[in-house]
N, C-alpha and C. Protein backbone atom coordinates (compact mmCIF):
# COMPACT_ATOMS: atom_id res chain seq x y z
N UNK A 1 -15.49 -21.02 -5.15
CA UNK A 1 -15.00 -20.57 -3.86
C UNK A 1 -13.48 -20.71 -3.85
N UNK A 2 -12.85 -19.89 -3.06
CA UNK A 2 -11.40 -19.88 -2.96
C UNK A 2 -10.96 -21.02 -2.03
N UNK A 3 -10.62 -22.16 -2.64
CA UNK A 3 -10.29 -23.34 -1.84
C UNK A 3 -8.89 -23.29 -1.26
N UNK A 4 -8.13 -22.25 -1.57
CA UNK A 4 -6.78 -22.12 -1.05
C UNK A 4 -6.77 -21.60 0.39
N UNK A 5 -7.90 -21.16 0.86
CA UNK A 5 -7.96 -20.64 2.23
C UNK A 5 -8.01 -21.78 3.23
N UNK A 6 -7.31 -21.62 4.34
CA UNK A 6 -7.40 -22.63 5.40
C UNK A 6 -8.81 -22.71 5.96
N UNK A 7 -9.20 -23.88 6.43
CA UNK A 7 -10.55 -24.09 6.95
C UNK A 7 -10.90 -23.10 8.06
N UNK A 8 -9.95 -22.79 8.93
CA UNK A 8 -10.20 -21.84 10.02
C UNK A 8 -10.57 -20.46 9.48
N UNK A 9 -9.90 -20.04 8.40
CA UNK A 9 -10.22 -18.74 7.79
C UNK A 9 -11.59 -18.78 7.13
N UNK A 10 -11.93 -19.91 6.51
CA UNK A 10 -13.26 -20.04 5.91
C UNK A 10 -14.35 -19.97 6.97
N UNK A 11 -14.10 -20.56 8.13
CA UNK A 11 -15.07 -20.49 9.23
C UNK A 11 -15.27 -19.05 9.68
N UNK A 12 -14.16 -18.31 9.79
CA UNK A 12 -14.25 -16.90 10.19
C UNK A 12 -15.02 -16.10 9.15
N UNK A 13 -14.73 -16.35 7.88
CA UNK A 13 -15.44 -15.64 6.82
C UNK A 13 -16.92 -15.96 6.84
N UNK A 14 -17.27 -17.22 7.13
CA UNK A 14 -18.69 -17.61 7.19
C UNK A 14 -19.39 -16.86 8.32
N UNK A 15 -18.76 -16.76 9.48
CA UNK A 15 -19.35 -16.03 10.61
C UNK A 15 -19.51 -14.55 10.25
N UNK A 16 -18.49 -13.98 9.65
CA UNK A 16 -18.53 -12.58 9.23
C UNK A 16 -19.66 -12.38 8.22
N UNK A 17 -19.75 -13.26 7.23
CA UNK A 17 -20.79 -13.17 6.20
C UNK A 17 -22.18 -13.26 6.83
N UNK A 18 -22.37 -14.22 7.73
CA UNK A 18 -23.68 -14.39 8.37
C UNK A 18 -24.05 -13.19 9.23
N UNK A 19 -23.05 -12.55 9.82
CA UNK A 19 -23.30 -11.32 10.59
C UNK A 19 -23.80 -10.21 9.67
N UNK A 20 -23.20 -10.10 8.50
CA UNK A 20 -23.58 -9.05 7.55
C UNK A 20 -24.93 -9.34 6.89
N UNK A 21 -25.26 -10.61 6.73
CA UNK A 21 -26.51 -11.04 6.11
C UNK A 21 -27.63 -10.99 7.15
N UNK A 22 -28.10 -9.80 7.44
CA UNK A 22 -29.06 -9.59 8.53
C UNK A 22 -30.38 -10.33 8.34
N UNK A 23 -30.85 -10.43 7.10
CA UNK A 23 -32.14 -11.09 6.88
C UNK A 23 -32.00 -12.60 6.68
N UNK A 24 -30.77 -13.10 6.79
CA UNK A 24 -30.46 -14.53 6.70
C UNK A 24 -30.95 -15.15 5.38
N UNK A 25 -30.84 -14.36 4.31
CA UNK A 25 -31.26 -14.83 2.99
C UNK A 25 -30.17 -15.64 2.29
N UNK A 26 -28.96 -15.61 2.83
CA UNK A 26 -27.85 -16.30 2.19
C UNK A 26 -27.07 -15.40 1.24
N UNK A 27 -27.50 -14.13 1.18
CA UNK A 27 -26.81 -13.15 0.36
C UNK A 27 -26.77 -11.81 1.08
N UNK A 28 -25.86 -10.97 0.67
CA UNK A 28 -25.77 -9.61 1.19
C UNK A 28 -26.33 -8.68 0.10
N UNK A 29 -27.43 -8.01 0.44
CA UNK A 29 -28.07 -7.11 -0.51
C UNK A 29 -27.50 -5.70 -0.35
N UNK A 30 -27.94 -4.80 -1.22
CA UNK A 30 -27.46 -3.43 -1.20
C UNK A 30 -27.70 -2.76 0.15
N UNK A 31 -28.87 -2.95 0.74
CA UNK A 31 -29.18 -2.33 2.03
C UNK A 31 -28.26 -2.86 3.14
N UNK A 32 -27.99 -4.14 3.13
CA UNK A 32 -27.09 -4.73 4.12
C UNK A 32 -25.66 -4.22 3.92
N UNK A 33 -25.26 -4.05 2.67
CA UNK A 33 -23.95 -3.49 2.37
C UNK A 33 -23.84 -2.06 2.89
N UNK A 34 -24.89 -1.27 2.68
CA UNK A 34 -24.88 0.11 3.16
C UNK A 34 -24.81 0.16 4.69
N UNK A 35 -25.56 -0.72 5.36
CA UNK A 35 -25.52 -0.77 6.83
C UNK A 35 -24.13 -1.16 7.32
N UNK A 36 -23.50 -2.10 6.63
CA UNK A 36 -22.15 -2.52 7.00
C UNK A 36 -21.19 -1.35 6.88
N UNK A 37 -21.29 -0.60 5.80
CA UNK A 37 -20.42 0.56 5.62
C UNK A 37 -20.66 1.59 6.72
N UNK A 38 -21.91 1.80 7.08
CA UNK A 38 -22.21 2.74 8.17
C UNK A 38 -21.59 2.28 9.48
N UNK A 39 -21.71 0.97 9.79
CA UNK A 39 -21.12 0.43 11.02
C UNK A 39 -19.61 0.62 11.05
N UNK A 40 -19.00 0.50 9.88
CA UNK A 40 -17.54 0.63 9.78
C UNK A 40 -17.11 2.08 9.57
N UNK A 41 -18.10 2.99 9.66
CA UNK A 41 -17.85 4.43 9.53
C UNK A 41 -17.29 4.79 8.16
N UNK A 42 -17.77 4.08 7.13
CA UNK A 42 -17.43 4.38 5.74
C UNK A 42 -18.62 5.13 5.17
N UNK A 43 -18.39 6.37 4.79
CA UNK A 43 -19.48 7.21 4.27
C UNK A 43 -19.56 7.04 2.76
N UNK A 44 -20.72 6.56 2.32
CA UNK A 44 -20.98 6.38 0.90
C UNK A 44 -22.30 7.03 0.55
N UNK A 45 -22.32 7.73 -0.58
CA UNK A 45 -23.62 8.20 -1.06
C UNK A 45 -24.29 7.07 -1.82
N UNK A 46 -25.49 7.27 -2.27
CA UNK A 46 -26.27 6.22 -2.93
C UNK A 46 -25.54 5.67 -4.16
N UNK A 47 -24.98 6.55 -4.97
CA UNK A 47 -24.27 6.14 -6.18
C UNK A 47 -23.04 5.30 -5.82
N UNK A 48 -22.28 5.73 -4.81
CA UNK A 48 -21.08 5.00 -4.41
C UNK A 48 -21.43 3.61 -3.87
N UNK A 49 -22.51 3.53 -3.10
CA UNK A 49 -22.95 2.23 -2.56
C UNK A 49 -23.34 1.30 -3.71
N UNK A 50 -24.06 1.85 -4.68
CA UNK A 50 -24.46 1.05 -5.84
C UNK A 50 -23.24 0.56 -6.62
N UNK A 51 -22.27 1.42 -6.82
CA UNK A 51 -21.06 1.04 -7.54
C UNK A 51 -20.26 -0.01 -6.78
N UNK A 52 -20.19 0.12 -5.46
CA UNK A 52 -19.50 -0.87 -4.65
C UNK A 52 -20.19 -2.23 -4.79
N UNK A 53 -21.50 -2.24 -4.72
CA UNK A 53 -22.24 -3.49 -4.90
C UNK A 53 -21.97 -4.08 -6.28
N UNK A 54 -21.95 -3.23 -7.28
CA UNK A 54 -21.70 -3.69 -8.65
C UNK A 54 -20.33 -4.37 -8.75
N UNK A 55 -19.35 -3.83 -8.05
CA UNK A 55 -18.01 -4.41 -8.07
C UNK A 55 -17.94 -5.74 -7.31
N UNK A 56 -18.66 -5.83 -6.20
CA UNK A 56 -18.64 -7.04 -5.37
C UNK A 56 -19.47 -8.17 -5.97
N UNK A 57 -20.54 -7.81 -6.65
CA UNK A 57 -21.50 -8.77 -7.20
C UNK A 57 -20.99 -9.28 -8.54
N UNK A 58 -20.13 -10.27 -8.49
CA UNK A 58 -19.45 -10.76 -9.70
C UNK A 58 -20.39 -11.43 -10.70
N UNK A 59 -21.50 -12.00 -10.23
CA UNK A 59 -22.42 -12.65 -11.17
C UNK A 59 -23.60 -11.75 -11.55
N UNK A 60 -23.58 -10.51 -11.09
CA UNK A 60 -24.56 -9.47 -11.47
C UNK A 60 -26.01 -9.86 -11.17
N UNK A 61 -26.23 -10.55 -10.05
CA UNK A 61 -27.61 -10.89 -9.70
C UNK A 61 -28.22 -9.94 -8.66
N UNK A 62 -27.47 -8.89 -8.28
CA UNK A 62 -28.01 -7.89 -7.37
C UNK A 62 -27.66 -8.09 -5.91
N UNK A 63 -26.90 -9.14 -5.61
CA UNK A 63 -26.49 -9.39 -4.24
C UNK A 63 -25.16 -10.15 -4.23
N UNK A 64 -24.56 -10.22 -3.05
CA UNK A 64 -23.27 -10.90 -2.90
C UNK A 64 -23.51 -12.20 -2.14
N UNK A 65 -23.21 -13.33 -2.78
CA UNK A 65 -23.36 -14.61 -2.08
C UNK A 65 -22.05 -14.97 -1.41
N UNK A 66 -22.05 -16.07 -0.67
CA UNK A 66 -20.87 -16.44 0.11
C UNK A 66 -19.65 -16.70 -0.77
N UNK A 67 -19.85 -17.34 -1.92
CA UNK A 67 -18.72 -17.60 -2.81
C UNK A 67 -18.08 -16.30 -3.30
N UNK A 68 -18.91 -15.33 -3.68
CA UNK A 68 -18.37 -14.03 -4.11
C UNK A 68 -17.63 -13.36 -2.96
N UNK A 69 -18.19 -13.44 -1.79
CA UNK A 69 -17.60 -12.85 -0.59
C UNK A 69 -16.23 -13.48 -0.30
N UNK A 70 -16.17 -14.81 -0.36
CA UNK A 70 -14.92 -15.52 -0.10
C UNK A 70 -13.88 -15.18 -1.17
N UNK A 71 -14.32 -15.14 -2.42
CA UNK A 71 -13.38 -14.80 -3.49
C UNK A 71 -12.82 -13.41 -3.31
N UNK A 72 -13.66 -12.48 -2.92
CA UNK A 72 -13.21 -11.11 -2.69
C UNK A 72 -12.20 -11.06 -1.54
N UNK A 73 -12.57 -11.60 -0.40
CA UNK A 73 -11.69 -11.54 0.75
C UNK A 73 -10.54 -12.54 0.63
N UNK A 74 -10.75 -13.60 -0.12
CA UNK A 74 -9.67 -14.56 -0.35
C UNK A 74 -8.53 -13.93 -1.12
N UNK A 75 -8.84 -13.04 -2.05
CA UNK A 75 -7.80 -12.32 -2.77
C UNK A 75 -6.98 -11.48 -1.81
N UNK A 76 -7.65 -10.85 -0.86
CA UNK A 76 -6.94 -10.05 0.13
C UNK A 76 -6.11 -10.93 1.06
N UNK A 77 -6.63 -12.13 1.35
CA UNK A 77 -5.92 -13.06 2.23
C UNK A 77 -4.55 -13.41 1.65
N UNK A 78 -4.50 -13.55 0.34
CA UNK A 78 -3.24 -13.87 -0.32
C UNK A 78 -2.19 -12.81 -0.03
N UNK A 79 -2.64 -11.61 0.26
CA UNK A 79 -1.72 -10.51 0.56
C UNK A 79 -1.58 -10.30 2.07
N UNK A 80 -2.09 -11.25 2.86
CA UNK A 80 -1.99 -11.25 4.32
C UNK A 80 -2.67 -10.04 4.97
N UNK A 81 -3.73 -9.55 4.36
CA UNK A 81 -4.47 -8.44 4.95
C UNK A 81 -5.70 -8.94 5.70
N UNK A 82 -6.37 -9.92 5.17
CA UNK A 82 -7.63 -10.37 5.73
C UNK A 82 -7.50 -10.85 7.16
N UNK A 83 -6.48 -11.62 7.45
CA UNK A 83 -6.35 -12.17 8.79
C UNK A 83 -6.38 -11.06 9.83
N UNK A 84 -5.59 -10.02 9.67
CA UNK A 84 -5.54 -8.92 10.63
C UNK A 84 -6.85 -8.13 10.62
N UNK A 85 -7.36 -7.83 9.44
CA UNK A 85 -8.61 -7.08 9.35
C UNK A 85 -9.77 -7.87 9.92
N UNK A 86 -9.81 -9.16 9.62
CA UNK A 86 -10.90 -9.99 10.12
C UNK A 86 -10.83 -10.12 11.63
N UNK A 87 -9.64 -10.33 12.17
CA UNK A 87 -9.49 -10.40 13.62
C UNK A 87 -9.89 -9.09 14.28
N UNK A 88 -9.54 -7.97 13.68
CA UNK A 88 -9.93 -6.66 14.22
C UNK A 88 -11.45 -6.52 14.22
N UNK A 89 -12.09 -6.98 13.15
CA UNK A 89 -13.55 -6.92 13.07
C UNK A 89 -14.17 -7.78 14.17
N UNK A 90 -13.66 -9.01 14.34
CA UNK A 90 -14.20 -9.90 15.37
C UNK A 90 -14.03 -9.29 16.74
N UNK A 91 -12.88 -8.67 16.99
CA UNK A 91 -12.65 -8.02 18.28
C UNK A 91 -13.61 -6.87 18.48
N UNK A 92 -13.80 -6.06 17.45
CA UNK A 92 -14.65 -4.87 17.57
C UNK A 92 -16.10 -5.24 17.85
N UNK A 93 -16.60 -6.26 17.17
CA UNK A 93 -18.00 -6.62 17.32
C UNK A 93 -18.20 -7.83 18.22
N UNK A 94 -17.12 -8.25 18.91
CA UNK A 94 -17.19 -9.32 19.88
C UNK A 94 -17.84 -10.58 19.30
N UNK A 95 -17.41 -10.95 18.11
CA UNK A 95 -17.89 -12.18 17.49
C UNK A 95 -16.93 -13.29 17.86
N UNK A 96 -17.45 -14.44 18.15
CA UNK A 96 -16.57 -15.54 18.49
C UNK A 96 -16.90 -16.74 17.62
N UNK A 97 -15.91 -17.55 17.41
CA UNK A 97 -16.12 -18.77 16.64
C UNK A 97 -16.51 -19.86 17.62
N UNK A 98 -17.61 -20.50 17.31
CA UNK A 98 -18.08 -21.57 18.17
C UNK A 98 -17.24 -22.80 17.93
N UNK A 99 -16.63 -23.30 18.96
CA UNK A 99 -15.78 -24.49 18.85
C UNK A 99 -16.64 -25.72 19.06
N UNK A 100 -16.46 -26.69 18.20
CA UNK A 100 -17.23 -27.95 18.32
C UNK A 100 -16.49 -28.92 19.19
């Protein structure tokens, strides 16, 4: 996992990941990835969706786990893109971080 991310960003990524993981299996499968793309109005054909999954699934087990997800978005965070994109996503889908 990308331990360079601040804890607050990791919490946001966890909420985002759990939102995408509709069946609560702990991973994002191809069908969940396709649904996410549809929600975000990204049009992918079957081949493109498969290729996207192949790129995201770094350990080649057929799904994206939280560590892979964090590593992917953590790379973007280093370029200061994730914070704005993640906040926009939270605003769009009205997701909130539960404060303890």
